[in-house]
PDB file of N, CA and C in Angstrom:
ATOM      1  N   MET A   1     -12.231 -33.900  13.020  1.00  0.00           N
ATOM      2  CA  MET A   1     -11.232 -32.929  12.604  1.00  0.00           C
ATOM      3  C   MET A   1     -11.823 -31.525  12.735  1.00  0.00           C
ATOM      4  N   CYS A   2     -11.038 -30.598  13.224  1.00  0.00           N
ATOM      5  CA  CYS A   2     -11.519 -29.221  13.380  1.00  0.00           C
ATOM      6  C   CYS A   2     -11.588 -28.528  12.019  1.00  0.00           C
ATOM      7  N   ALA A   3     -12.394 -27.474  11.960  1.00  0.00           N
ATOM      8  CA  ALA A   3     -12.537 -26.714  10.715  1.00  0.00           C
ATOM      9  C   ALA A   3     -11.256 -25.931  10.448  1.00  0.00           C
ATOM     10  N   LEU A   4     -10.796 -26.002   9.235  1.00  0.00           N
ATOM     11  CA  LEU A   4      -9.579 -25.301   8.840  1.00  0.00           C
ATOM     12  C   LEU A   4      -9.912 -24.227   7.819  1.00  0.00           C
ATOM     13  N   SER A   5      -9.116 -23.202   7.804  1.00  0.00           N
ATOM     14  CA  SER A   5      -9.264 -22.173   6.779  1.00  0.00           C
ATOM     15  C   SER A   5      -7.882 -21.845   6.227  1.00  0.00           C
ATOM     16  N   TYR A   6      -7.867 -21.253   5.064  1.00  0.00           N
ATOM     17  CA  TYR A   6      -6.618 -20.904   4.399  1.00  0.00           C
ATOM     18  C   TYR A   6      -6.427 -19.397   4.449  1.00  0.00           C
ATOM     19  N   ARG A   7      -5.213 -18.982   4.701  1.00  0.00           N
ATOM     20  CA  ARG A   7      -4.852 -17.570   4.711  1.00  0.00           C
ATOM     21  C   ARG A   7      -3.585 -17.411   3.877  1.00  0.00           C
ATOM     22  N   PHE A   8      -3.397 -16.235   3.353  1.00  0.00           N
ATOM     23  CA  PHE A   8      -2.181 -15.978   2.597  1.00  0.00           C
ATOM     24  C   PHE A   8      -1.771 -14.520   2.743  1.00  0.00           C
ATOM     25  N   LYS A   9      -0.493 -14.270   2.519  1.00  0.00           N
ATOM     26  CA  LYS A   9       0.039 -12.916   2.429  1.00  0.00           C
ATOM     27  C   LYS A   9       0.574 -12.758   1.018  1.00  0.00           C
ATOM     28  N   LEU A  10       0.245 -11.638   0.440  1.00  0.00           N
ATOM     29  CA  LEU A  10       0.666 -11.354  -0.927  1.00  0.00           C
ATOM     30  C   LEU A  10       1.584 -10.148  -0.911  1.00  0.00           C
ATOM     31  N   TRP A  11       2.698 -10.231  -1.615  1.00  0.00           N
ATOM     32  CA  TRP A  11       3.542  -9.064  -1.781  1.00  0.00           C
ATOM     33  C   TRP A  11       4.153  -9.097  -3.168  1.00  0.00           C
ATOM     34  N   VAL A  12       4.564  -7.932  -3.614  1.00  0.00           N
ATOM     35  CA  VAL A  12       5.147  -7.755  -4.937  1.00  0.00           C
ATOM     36  C   VAL A  12       6.653  -7.590  -4.753  1.00  0.00           C
ATOM     37  N   VAL A  13       7.430  -8.262  -5.591  1.00  0.00           N
ATOM     38  CA  VAL A  13       8.886  -8.148  -5.530  1.00  0.00           C
ATOM     39  C   VAL A  13       9.414  -7.603  -6.851  1.00  0.00           C
ATOM     40  N   ASN A  14      10.587  -6.979  -6.799  1.00  0.00           N
ATOM     41  CA  ASN A  14      11.219  -6.517  -8.031  1.00  0.00           C
ATOM     42  C   ASN A  14      12.055  -7.642  -8.630  1.00  0.00           C
ATOM     43  N   GLU A  15      12.766  -7.327  -9.712  1.00  0.00           N
ATOM     44  CA  GLU A  15      13.542  -8.363 -10.404  1.00  0.00           C
ATOM     45  C   GLU A  15      14.669  -8.925  -9.547  1.00  0.00           C
ATOM     46  N   LYS A  16      15.082  -8.195  -8.520  1.00  0.00           N
ATOM     47  CA  LYS A  16      16.117  -8.680  -7.605  1.00  0.00           C
ATOM     48  C   LYS A  16      15.542  -9.550  -6.493  1.00  0.00           C
ATOM     49  N   GLY A  17      14.219  -9.608  -6.416  1.00  0.00           N
ATOM     50  CA  GLY A  17      13.569 -10.368  -5.358  1.00  0.00           C
ATOM     51  C   GLY A  17      13.307  -9.560  -4.100  1.00  0.00           C
ATOM     52  N   ASP A  18      13.571  -8.246  -4.164  1.00  0.00           N
ATOM     53  CA  ASP A  18      13.318  -7.372  -3.016  1.00  0.00           C
ATOM     54  C   ASP A  18      11.826  -7.101  -2.892  1.00  0.00           C
ATOM     55  N   ALA A  19      11.294  -7.231  -1.689  1.00  0.00           N
ATOM     56  CA  ALA A  19       9.886  -6.900  -1.458  1.00  0.00           C
ATOM     57  C   ALA A  19       9.687  -5.413  -1.722  1.00  0.00           C
ATOM     58  N   VAL A  20       8.677  -5.107  -2.528  1.00  0.00           N
ATOM     59  CA  VAL A  20       8.410  -3.735  -2.924  1.00  0.00           C
ATOM     60  C   VAL A  20       7.078  -3.251  -2.378  1.00  0.00           C
ATOM     61  N   PHE A  21       6.105  -4.124  -2.343  1.00  0.00           N
ATOM     62  CA  PHE A  21       4.733  -3.684  -2.107  1.00  0.00           C
ATOM     63  C   PHE A  21       3.945  -4.812  -1.480  1.00  0.00           C
ATOM     64  N   GLY A  22       3.166  -4.481  -0.464  1.00  0.00           N
ATOM     65  CA  GLY A  22       2.305  -5.460   0.176  1.00  0.00           C
ATOM     66  C   GLY A  22       1.070  -4.783   0.730  1.00  0.00           C
ATOM     67  N   ASP A  23       0.371  -5.479   1.594  1.00  0.00           N
ATOM     68  CA  ASP A  23      -0.896  -4.978   2.108  1.00  0.00           C
ATOM     69  C   ASP A  23      -0.747  -3.679   2.898  1.00  0.00           C
ATOM     70  N   GLY A  24       0.311  -3.571   3.683  1.00  0.00           N
ATOM     71  CA  GLY A  24       0.511  -2.360   4.480  1.00  0.00           C
ATOM     72  C   GLY A  24       0.681  -1.117   3.629  1.00  0.00           C
ATOM     73  N   LEU A  25       1.503  -1.217   2.587  1.00  0.00           N
ATOM     74  CA  LEU A  25       1.722  -0.065   1.716  1.00  0.00           C
ATOM     75  C   LEU A  25       0.487   0.223   0.869  1.00  0.00           C
ATOM     76  N   ALA A  26      -0.215  -0.823   0.446  1.00  0.00           N
ATOM     77  CA  ALA A  26      -1.464  -0.617  -0.305  1.00  0.00           C
ATOM     78  C   ALA A  26      -2.463   0.163   0.547  1.00  0.00           C
ATOM     79  N   THR A  27      -2.607  -0.239   1.801  1.00  0.00           N
ATOM     80  CA  THR A  27      -3.525   0.455   2.709  1.00  0.00           C
ATOM     81  C   THR A  27      -3.073   1.890   2.945  1.00  0.00           C
ATOM     82  N   LEU A  28      -1.774   2.092   3.136  1.00  0.00           N
ATOM     83  CA  LEU A  28      -1.248   3.442   3.338  1.00  0.00           C
ATOM     84  C   LEU A  28      -1.565   4.330   2.137  1.00  0.00           C
ATOM     85  N   LEU A  29      -1.339   3.842   0.930  1.00  0.00           N
ATOM     86  CA  LEU A  29      -1.621   4.644  -0.266  1.00  0.00           C
ATOM     87  C   LEU A  29      -3.116   4.935  -0.400  1.00  0.00           C
ATOM     88  N   GLU A  30      -3.957   3.970  -0.054  1.00  0.00           N
ATOM     89  CA  GLU A  30      -5.407   4.206  -0.085  1.00  0.00           C
ATOM     90  C   GLU A  30      -5.799   5.318   0.884  1.00  0.00           C
ATOM     91  N   LYS A  31      -5.189   5.326   2.055  1.00  0.00           N
ATOM     92  CA  LYS A  31      -5.505   6.353   3.054  1.00  0.00           C
ATOM     93  C   LYS A  31      -4.927   7.713   2.658  1.00  0.00           C
ATOM     94  N   ILE A  32      -3.767   7.727   2.011  1.00  0.00           N
ATOM     95  CA  ILE A  32      -3.228   8.992   1.504  1.00  0.00           C
ATOM     96  C   ILE A  32      -4.178   9.568   0.462  1.00  0.00           C
ATOM     97  N   GLU A  33      -4.694   8.714  -0.391  1.00  0.00           N
ATOM     98  CA  GLU A  33      -5.669   9.143  -1.398  1.00  0.00           C
ATOM     99  C   GLU A  33      -6.904   9.749  -0.721  1.00  0.00           C
ATOM    100  N   LYS A  34      -7.327   9.151   0.365  1.00  0.00           N
ATOM    101  CA  LYS A  34      -8.510   9.621   1.100  1.00  0.00           C
ATOM    102  C   LYS A  34      -8.263  10.972   1.779  1.00  0.00           C
ATOM    103  N   HIS A  35      -7.106  11.121   2.417  1.00  0.00           N
ATOM    104  CA  HIS A  35      -6.830  12.299   3.245  1.00  0.00           C
ATOM    105  C   HIS A  35      -5.960  13.362   2.573  1.00  0.00           C
ATOM    106  N   ASN A  36      -5.309  13.020   1.458  1.00  0.00           N
ATOM    107  CA  ASN A  36      -4.319  13.915   0.834  1.00  0.00           C
ATOM    108  C   ASN A  36      -3.224  14.303   1.826  1.00  0.00           C
ATOM    109  N   SER A  37      -2.895  13.367   2.701  1.00  0.00           N
ATOM    110  CA  SER A  37      -1.908  13.639   3.743  1.00  0.00           C
ATOM    111  C   SER A  37      -1.270  12.332   4.201  1.00  0.00           C
ATOM    112  N   VAL A  38       0.060  12.298   4.173  1.00  0.00           N
ATOM    113  CA  VAL A  38       0.766  11.125   4.687  1.00  0.00           C
ATOM    114  C   VAL A  38       0.571  11.038   6.198  1.00  0.00           C
ATOM    115  N   LEU A  39       0.634  12.165   6.879  1.00  0.00           N
ATOM    116  CA  LEU A  39       0.487  12.183   8.334  1.00  0.00           C
ATOM    117  C   LEU A  39      -0.872  11.639   8.769  1.00  0.00           C
ATOM    118  N   LYS A  40      -1.944  12.131   8.170  1.00  0.00           N
ATOM    119  CA  LYS A  40      -3.286  11.671   8.540  1.00  0.00           C
ATOM    120  C   LYS A  40      -3.488  10.207   8.169  1.00  0.00           C
ATOM    121  N   ALA A  41      -2.951   9.804   7.026  1.00  0.00           N
ATOM    122  CA  ALA A  41      -3.063   8.406   6.602  1.00  0.00           C
ATOM    123  C   ALA A  41      -2.346   7.496   7.592  1.00  0.00           C
ATOM    124  N   ALA A  42      -1.131   7.880   7.958  1.00  0.00           N
ATOM    125  CA  ALA A  42      -0.346   7.073   8.896  1.00  0.00           C
ATOM    126  C   ALA A  42      -1.054   6.968  10.241  1.00  0.00           C
ATOM    127  N   LYS A  43      -1.573   8.076  10.728  1.00  0.00           N
ATOM    128  CA  LYS A  43      -2.287   8.059  12.012  1.00  0.00           C
ATOM    129  C   LYS A  43      -3.490   7.131  11.959  1.00  0.00           C
ATOM    130  N   GLU A  44      -4.228   7.170  10.854  1.00  0.00           N
ATOM    131  CA  GLU A  44      -5.436   6.340  10.756  1.00  0.00           C
ATOM    132  C   GLU A  44      -5.130   4.854  10.843  1.00  0.00           C
ATOM    133  N   ILE A  45      -3.985   4.450  10.317  1.00  0.00           N
ATOM    134  CA  ILE A  45      -3.672   3.016  10.335  1.00  0.00           C
ATOM    135  C   ILE A  45      -2.692   2.643  11.453  1.00  0.00           C
ATOM    136  N   GLY A  46      -2.387   3.597  12.334  1.00  0.00           N
ATOM    137  CA  GLY A  46      -1.534   3.295  13.478  1.00  0.00           C
ATOM    138  C   GLY A  46      -0.064   3.155  13.140  1.00  0.00           C
ATOM    139  N   MET A  47       0.386   3.890  12.147  1.00  0.00           N
ATOM    140  CA  MET A  47       1.776   3.841  11.709  1.00  0.00           C
ATOM    141  C   MET A  47       2.397   5.212  11.992  1.00  0.00           C
ATOM    142  N   SER A  48       3.645   5.235  12.395  1.00  0.00           N
ATOM    143  CA  SER A  48       4.283   6.534  12.611  1.00  0.00           C
ATOM    144  C   SER A  48       4.505   7.217  11.262  1.00  0.00           C
ATOM    145  N   TYR A  49       4.516   8.537  11.296  1.00  0.00           N
ATOM    146  CA  TYR A  49       4.742   9.328  10.085  1.00  0.00           C
ATOM    147  C   TYR A  49       6.107   8.993   9.489  1.00  0.00           C
ATOM    148  N   ARG A  50       7.104   8.902  10.343  1.00  0.00           N
ATOM    149  CA  ARG A  50       8.459   8.604   9.876  1.00  0.00           C
ATOM    150  C   ARG A  50       8.527   7.243   9.180  1.00  0.00           C
ATOM    151  N   TYR A  51       7.881   6.239   9.771  1.00  0.00           N
ATOM    152  CA  TYR A  51       7.888   4.905   9.170  1.00  0.00           C
ATOM    153  C   TYR A  51       7.113   4.900   7.852  1.00  0.00           C
ATOM    154  N   ALA A  52       6.004   5.636   7.793  1.00  0.00           N
ATOM    155  CA  ALA A  52       5.223   5.729   6.554  1.00  0.00           C
ATOM    156  C   ALA A  52       6.081   6.313   5.433  1.00  0.00           C
ATOM    157  N   LEU A  53       6.799   7.391   5.729  1.00  0.00           N
ATOM    158  CA  LEU A  53       7.686   7.985   4.718  1.00  0.00           C
ATOM    159  C   LEU A  53       8.780   7.009   4.305  1.00  0.00           C
ATOM    160  N   HIS A  54       9.313   6.279   5.275  1.00  0.00           N
ATOM    161  CA  HIS A  54      10.342   5.277   4.972  1.00  0.00           C
ATOM    162  C   HIS A  54       9.803   4.212   4.023  1.00  0.00           C
ATOM    163  N   ARG A  55       8.609   3.705   4.305  1.00  0.00           N
ATOM    164  CA  ARG A  55       8.011   2.662   3.456  1.00  0.00           C
ATOM    165  C   ARG A  55       7.795   3.163   2.031  1.00  0.00           C
ATOM    166  N   ILE A  56       7.292   4.384   1.918  1.00  0.00           N
ATOM    167  CA  ILE A  56       7.052   4.973   0.597  1.00  0.00           C
ATOM    168  C   ILE A  56       8.372   5.153  -0.150  1.00  0.00           C
ATOM    169  N   THR A  57       9.359   5.737   0.512  1.00  0.00           N
ATOM    170  CA  THR A  57      10.657   6.001  -0.113  1.00  0.00           C
ATOM    171  C   THR A  57      11.341   4.712  -0.541  1.00  0.00           C
ATOM    172  N   LEU A  58      11.323   3.700   0.312  1.00  0.00           N
ATOM    173  CA  LEU A  58      11.946   2.417  -0.016  1.00  0.00           C
ATOM    174  C   LEU A  58      11.276   1.783  -1.233  1.00  0.00           C
ATOM    175  N   ALA A  59       9.958   1.790  -1.261  1.00  0.00           N
ATOM    176  CA  ALA A  59       9.236   1.223  -2.407  1.00  0.00           C
ATOM    177  C   ALA A  59       9.550   2.001  -3.678  1.00  0.00           C
ATOM    178  N   GLU A  60       9.595   3.322  -3.585  1.00  0.00           N
ATOM    179  CA  GLU A  60       9.900   4.145  -4.760  1.00  0.00           C
ATOM    180  C   GLU A  60      11.303   3.849  -5.282  1.00  0.00           C
ATOM    181  N   GLU A  61      12.261   3.689  -4.377  1.00  0.00           N
ATOM    182  CA  GLU A  61      13.633   3.357  -4.783  1.00  0.00           C
ATOM    183  C   GLU A  61      13.678   2.002  -5.473  1.00  0.00           C
ATOM    184  N   ARG A  62      12.982   1.034  -4.920  1.00  0.00           N
ATOM    185  CA  ARG A  62      13.007  -0.317  -5.482  1.00  0.00           C
ATOM    186  C   ARG A  62      12.233  -0.421  -6.793  1.00  0.00           C
ATOM    187  N   LEU A  63      11.216   0.407  -6.955  1.00  0.00           N
ATOM    188  CA  LEU A  63      10.443   0.419  -8.199  1.00  0.00           C
ATOM    189  C   LEU A  63      11.074   1.304  -9.267  1.00  0.00           C
ATOM    190  N   GLY A  64      11.794   2.316  -8.826  1.00  0.00           N
ATOM    191  CA  GLY A  64      12.361   3.271  -9.766  1.00  0.00           C
ATOM    192  C   GLY A  64      11.345   4.279 -10.267  1.00  0.00           C
ATOM    193  N   GLU A  65      10.278   4.474  -9.513  1.00  0.00           N
ATOM    194  CA  GLU A  65       9.278   5.480  -9.873  1.00  0.00           C
ATOM    195  C   GLU A  65       8.571   5.990  -8.629  1.00  0.00           C
ATOM    196  N   SER A  66       7.949   7.145  -8.791  1.00  0.00           N
ATOM    197  CA  SER A  66       7.287   7.805  -7.675  1.00  0.00           C
ATOM    198  C   SER A  66       5.894   7.228  -7.438  1.00  0.00           C
ATOM    199  N   LEU A  67       5.553   7.021  -6.175  1.00  0.00           N
ATOM    200  CA  LEU A  67       4.214   6.560  -5.799  1.00  0.00           C
ATOM    201  C   LEU A  67       3.382   7.688  -5.208  1.00  0.00           C
ATOM    202  N   VAL A  68       4.061   8.654  -4.606  1.00  0.00           N
ATOM    203  CA  VAL A  68       3.385   9.768  -3.936  1.00  0.00           C
ATOM    204  C   VAL A  68       4.124  11.058  -4.263  1.00  0.00           C
ATOM    205  N   THR A  69       3.366  12.098  -4.586  1.00  0.00           N
ATOM    206  CA  THR A  69       3.954  13.428  -4.721  1.00  0.00           C
ATOM    207  C   THR A  69       3.604  14.205  -3.464  1.00  0.00           C
ATOM    208  N   ARG A  70       4.589  14.911  -2.927  1.00  0.00           N
ATOM    209  CA  ARG A  70       4.397  15.634  -1.680  1.00  0.00           C
ATOM    210  C   ARG A  70       4.728  17.109  -1.874  1.00  0.00           C
ATOM    211  N   VAL A  71       3.893  17.960  -1.291  1.00  0.00           N
ATOM    212  CA  VAL A  71       4.137  19.396  -1.261  1.00  0.00           C
ATOM    213  C   VAL A  71       4.269  19.779   0.203  1.00  0.00           C
ATOM    214  N   ARG A  72       5.405  20.331   0.567  1.00  0.00           N
ATOM    215  CA  ARG A  72       5.649  20.699   1.967  1.00  0.00           C
ATOM    216  C   ARG A  72       4.808  21.898   2.351  1.00  0.00           C
ATOM    217  N   GLY A  73       4.371  21.891   3.577  1.00  0.00           N
ATOM    218  CA  GLY A  73       3.605  23.017   4.113  1.00  0.00           C
ATOM    219  C   GLY A  73       4.531  24.140   4.534  1.00  0.00           C
ATOM    220  N   GLY A  74       3.947  25.289   4.740  1.00  0.00           N
ATOM    221  CA  GLY A  74       4.727  26.442   5.173  1.00  0.00           C
ATOM    222  C   GLY A  74       4.072  27.095   6.371  1.00  0.00           C
ATOM    223  N   ALA A  75       4.460  28.319   6.639  1.00  0.00           N
ATOM    224  CA  ALA A  75       3.952  29.049   7.796  1.00  0.00           C
ATOM    225  C   ALA A  75       2.453  29.305   7.702  1.00  0.00           C
ATOM    226  N   LYS A  76       1.932  29.420   6.502  1.00  0.00           N
ATOM    227  CA  LYS A  76       0.517  29.772   6.343  1.00  0.00           C
ATOM    228  C   LYS A  76      -0.375  28.595   5.985  1.00  0.00           C
ATOM    229  N   GLY A  77       0.181  27.435   5.904  1.00  0.00           N
ATOM    230  CA  GLY A  77      -0.679  26.308   5.564  1.00  0.00           C
ATOM    231  C   GLY A  77       0.084  25.009   5.494  1.00  0.00           C
ATOM    232  N   GLY A  78      -0.676  23.950   5.545  1.00  0.00           N
ATOM    233  CA  GLY A  78      -0.085  22.624   5.502  1.00  0.00           C
ATOM    234  C   GLY A  78       0.204  22.182   4.085  1.00  0.00           C
ATOM    235  N   GLY A  79       0.980  21.167   3.976  1.00  0.00           N
ATOM    236  CA  GLY A  79       1.286  20.598   2.679  1.00  0.00           C
ATOM    237  C   GLY A  79       0.211  19.611   2.281  1.00  0.00           C
ATOM    238  N   SER A  80       0.463  18.938   1.201  1.00  0.00           N
ATOM    239  CA  SER A  80      -0.477  17.912   0.761  1.00  0.00           C
ATOM    240  C   SER A  80       0.296  16.803   0.063  1.00  0.00           C
ATOM    241  N   SER A  81      -0.335  15.669  -0.041  1.00  0.00           N
ATOM    242  CA  SER A  81       0.258  14.514  -0.713  1.00  0.00           C
ATOM    243  C   SER A  81      -0.772  13.915  -1.644  1.00  0.00           C
ATOM    244  N   GLN A  82      -0.310  13.487  -2.796  1.00  0.00           N
ATOM    245  CA  GLN A  82      -1.177  12.858  -3.783  1.00  0.00           C
ATOM    246  C   GLN A  82      -0.546  11.544  -4.223  1.00  0.00           C
ATOM    247  N   VAL A  83      -1.358  10.525  -4.362  1.00  0.00           N
ATOM    248  CA  VAL A  83      -0.879   9.257  -4.906  1.00  0.00           C
ATOM    249  C   VAL A  83      -0.773   9.438  -6.417  1.00  0.00           C
ATOM    250  N   THR A  84       0.370   9.070  -6.980  1.00  0.00           N
ATOM    251  CA  THR A  84       0.577   9.212  -8.421  1.00  0.00           C
ATOM    252  C   THR A  84      -0.261   8.187  -9.181  1.00  0.00           C
ATOM    253  N   ASP A  85      -0.360   8.367 -10.483  1.00  0.00           N
ATOM    254  CA  ASP A  85      -1.066   7.389 -11.312  1.00  0.00           C
ATOM    255  C   ASP A  85      -0.421   6.011 -11.186  1.00  0.00           C
ATOM    256  N   SER A  86       0.906   5.969 -11.118  1.00  0.00           N
ATOM    257  CA  SER A  86       1.607   4.687 -10.931  1.00  0.00           C
ATOM    258  C   SER A  86       1.233   4.044  -9.607  1.00  0.00           C
ATOM    259  N   GLY A  87       1.144   4.857  -8.567  1.00  0.00           N
ATOM    260  CA  GLY A  87       0.748   4.348  -7.256  1.00  0.00           C
ATOM    261  C   GLY A  87      -0.668   3.811  -7.264  1.00  0.00           C
ATOM    262  N   LYS A  88      -1.579   4.552  -7.906  1.00  0.00           N
ATOM    263  CA  LYS A  88      -2.978   4.112  -7.998  1.00  0.00           C
ATOM    264  C   LYS A  88      -3.090   2.806  -8.775  1.00  0.00           C
ATOM    265  N   LYS A  89      -2.337   2.709  -9.866  1.00  0.00           N
ATOM    266  CA  LYS A  89      -2.372   1.493 -10.687  1.00  0.00           C
ATOM    267  C   LYS A  89      -1.834   0.296  -9.904  1.00  0.00           C
ATOM    268  N   LEU A  90      -0.762   0.500  -9.164  1.00  0.00           N
ATOM    269  CA  LEU A  90      -0.176  -0.583  -8.373  1.00  0.00           C
ATOM    270  C   LEU A  90      -1.147  -1.069  -7.299  1.00  0.00           C
ATOM    271  N   VAL A  91      -1.815  -0.136  -6.616  1.00  0.00           N
ATOM    272  CA  VAL A  91      -2.813  -0.515  -5.606  1.00  0.00           C
ATOM    273  C   VAL A  91      -3.945  -1.292  -6.262  1.00  0.00           C
ATOM    274  N   GLU A  92      -4.423  -0.805  -7.397  1.00  0.00           N
ATOM    275  CA  GLU A  92      -5.526  -1.480  -8.093  1.00  0.00           C
ATOM    276  C   GLU A  92      -5.133  -2.899  -8.510  1.00  0.00           C
ATOM    277  N   GLN A  93      -3.951  -3.047  -9.098  1.00  0.00           N
ATOM    278  CA  GLN A  93      -3.487  -4.376  -9.509  1.00  0.00           C
ATOM    279  C   GLN A  93      -3.314  -5.294  -8.302  1.00  0.00           C
ATOM    280  N   TYR A  94      -2.770  -4.757  -7.234  1.00  0.00           N
ATOM    281  CA  TYR A  94      -2.565  -5.544  -6.018  1.00  0.00           C
ATOM    282  C   TYR A  94      -3.902  -6.018  -5.456  1.00  0.00           C
ATOM    283  N   ARG A  95      -4.859  -5.111  -5.306  1.00  0.00           N
ATOM    284  CA  ARG A  95      -6.172  -5.467  -4.749  1.00  0.00           C
ATOM    285  C   ARG A  95      -6.914  -6.443  -5.662  1.00  0.00           C
ATOM    286  N   ASN A  96      -6.807  -6.274  -6.973  1.00  0.00           N
ATOM    287  CA  ASN A  96      -7.451  -7.214  -7.903  1.00  0.00           C
ATOM    288  C   ASN A  96      -6.849  -8.609  -7.775  1.00  0.00           C
ATOM    289  N   THR A  97      -5.531  -8.688  -7.705  1.00  0.00           N
ATOM    290  CA  THR A  97      -4.863  -9.983  -7.548  1.00  0.00           C
ATOM    291  C   THR A  97      -5.244 -10.620  -6.219  1.00  0.00           C
ATOM    292  N   GLN A  98      -5.278  -9.821  -5.177  1.00  0.00           N
ATOM    293  CA  GLN A  98      -5.667 -10.303  -3.852  1.00  0.00           C
ATOM    294  C   GLN A  98      -7.089 -10.877  -3.880  1.00  0.00           C
ATOM    295  N   ALA A  99      -8.009 -10.169  -4.515  1.00  0.00           N
ATOM    296  CA  ALA A  99      -9.401 -10.626  -4.596  1.00  0.00           C
ATOM    297  C   ALA A  99      -9.510 -11.923  -5.396  1.00  0.00           C
ATOM    298  N   LYS A 100      -8.756 -12.029  -6.485  1.00  0.00           N
ATOM    299  CA  LYS A 100      -8.778 -13.254  -7.294  1.00  0.00           C
ATOM    300  C   LYS A 100      -8.270 -14.450  -6.491  1.00  0.00           C
ATOM    301  N   LEU A 101      -7.188 -14.248  -5.764  1.00  0.00           N
ATOM    302  CA  LEU A 101      -6.645 -15.343  -4.958  1.00  0.00           C
ATOM    303  C   LEU A 101      -7.604 -15.747  -3.843  1.00  0.00           C
ATOM    304  N   GLN A 102      -8.243 -14.769  -3.213  1.00  0.00           N
ATOM    305  CA  GLN A 102      -9.230 -15.081  -2.176  1.00  0.00           C
ATOM    306  C   GLN A 102     -10.399 -15.859  -2.764  1.00  0.00           C
ATOM    307  N   SER A 103     -10.821 -15.487  -3.955  1.00  0.00           N
ATOM    308  CA  SER A 103     -11.920 -16.182  -4.623  1.00  0.00           C
ATOM    309  C   SER A 103     -11.541 -17.627  -4.945  1.00  0.00           C
ATOM    310  N   ILE A 104     -10.320 -17.818  -5.419  1.00  0.00           N
ATOM    311  CA  ILE A 104      -9.848 -19.176  -5.725  1.00  0.00           C
ATOM    312  C   ILE A 104      -9.859 -20.028  -4.464  1.00  0.00           C
ATOM    313  N   LEU A 105      -9.323 -19.494  -3.380  1.00  0.00           N
ATOM    314  CA  LEU A 105      -9.305 -20.251  -2.126  1.00  0.00           C
ATOM    315  C   LEU A 105     -10.712 -20.566  -1.642  1.00  0.00           C
ATOM    316  N   LYS A 106     -11.593 -19.602  -1.748  1.00  0.00           N
ATOM    317  CA  LYS A 106     -12.970 -19.810  -1.299  1.00  0.00           C
ATOM    318  C   LYS A 106     -13.655 -20.883  -2.135  1.00  0.00           C
ATOM    319  N   ASN A 107     -13.499 -20.807  -3.443  1.00  0.00           N
ATOM    320  CA  ASN A 107     -14.142 -21.776  -4.332  1.00  0.00           C
ATOM    321  C   ASN A 107     -13.534 -23.166  -4.214  1.00  0.00           C
ATOM    322  N   GLU A 108     -12.235 -23.231  -4.059  1.00  0.00           N
ATOM    323  CA  GLU A 108     -11.553 -24.521  -3.983  1.00  0.00           C
ATOM    324  C   GLU A 108     -11.763 -25.213  -2.643  1.00  0.00           C
ATOM    325  N   HIS A 109     -11.852 -24.425  -1.605  1.00  0.00           N
ATOM    326  CA  HIS A 109     -11.867 -25.017  -0.268  1.00  0.00           C
ATOM    327  C   HIS A 109     -13.098 -24.661   0.545  1.00  0.00           C
ATOM    328  N   GLN A 110     -14.045 -24.004  -0.076  1.00  0.00           N
ATOM    329  CA  GLN A 110     -15.311 -23.652   0.575  1.00  0.00           C
ATOM    330  C   GLN A 110     -15.101 -23.091   1.971  1.00  0.00           C
ATOM    331  N   LEU A 111     -14.415 -21.959   2.028  1.00  0.00           N
ATOM    332  CA  LEU A 111     -14.148 -21.315   3.320  1.00  0.00           C
ATOM    333  C   LEU A 111     -15.422 -20.822   3.951  1.00  0.00           C
TER     334      LEU A 111
END
């Protein structure tokens, strides 16, 4: 028998069952935190700026709270983006849950 491994995808849903948060959005928020810019974060992970904004806006609508605060740039300078405390907490909880599940799979199935 060939060697098998286990993989999983984790996402967070709201009370309606709508997908709210997953690995892509977690990574995007981590990169926004790093760069203070949605544009730079999106570029780093190979996502269009428009799609990144769509993902953030959709998640915020489904959660009913803000994940990112944005300040628009002007003629003399660029804007900036900050991940809110709620956004940081959601990423932390998501990554912790992901790590726990990976640990369970590793221990149970000796990956």
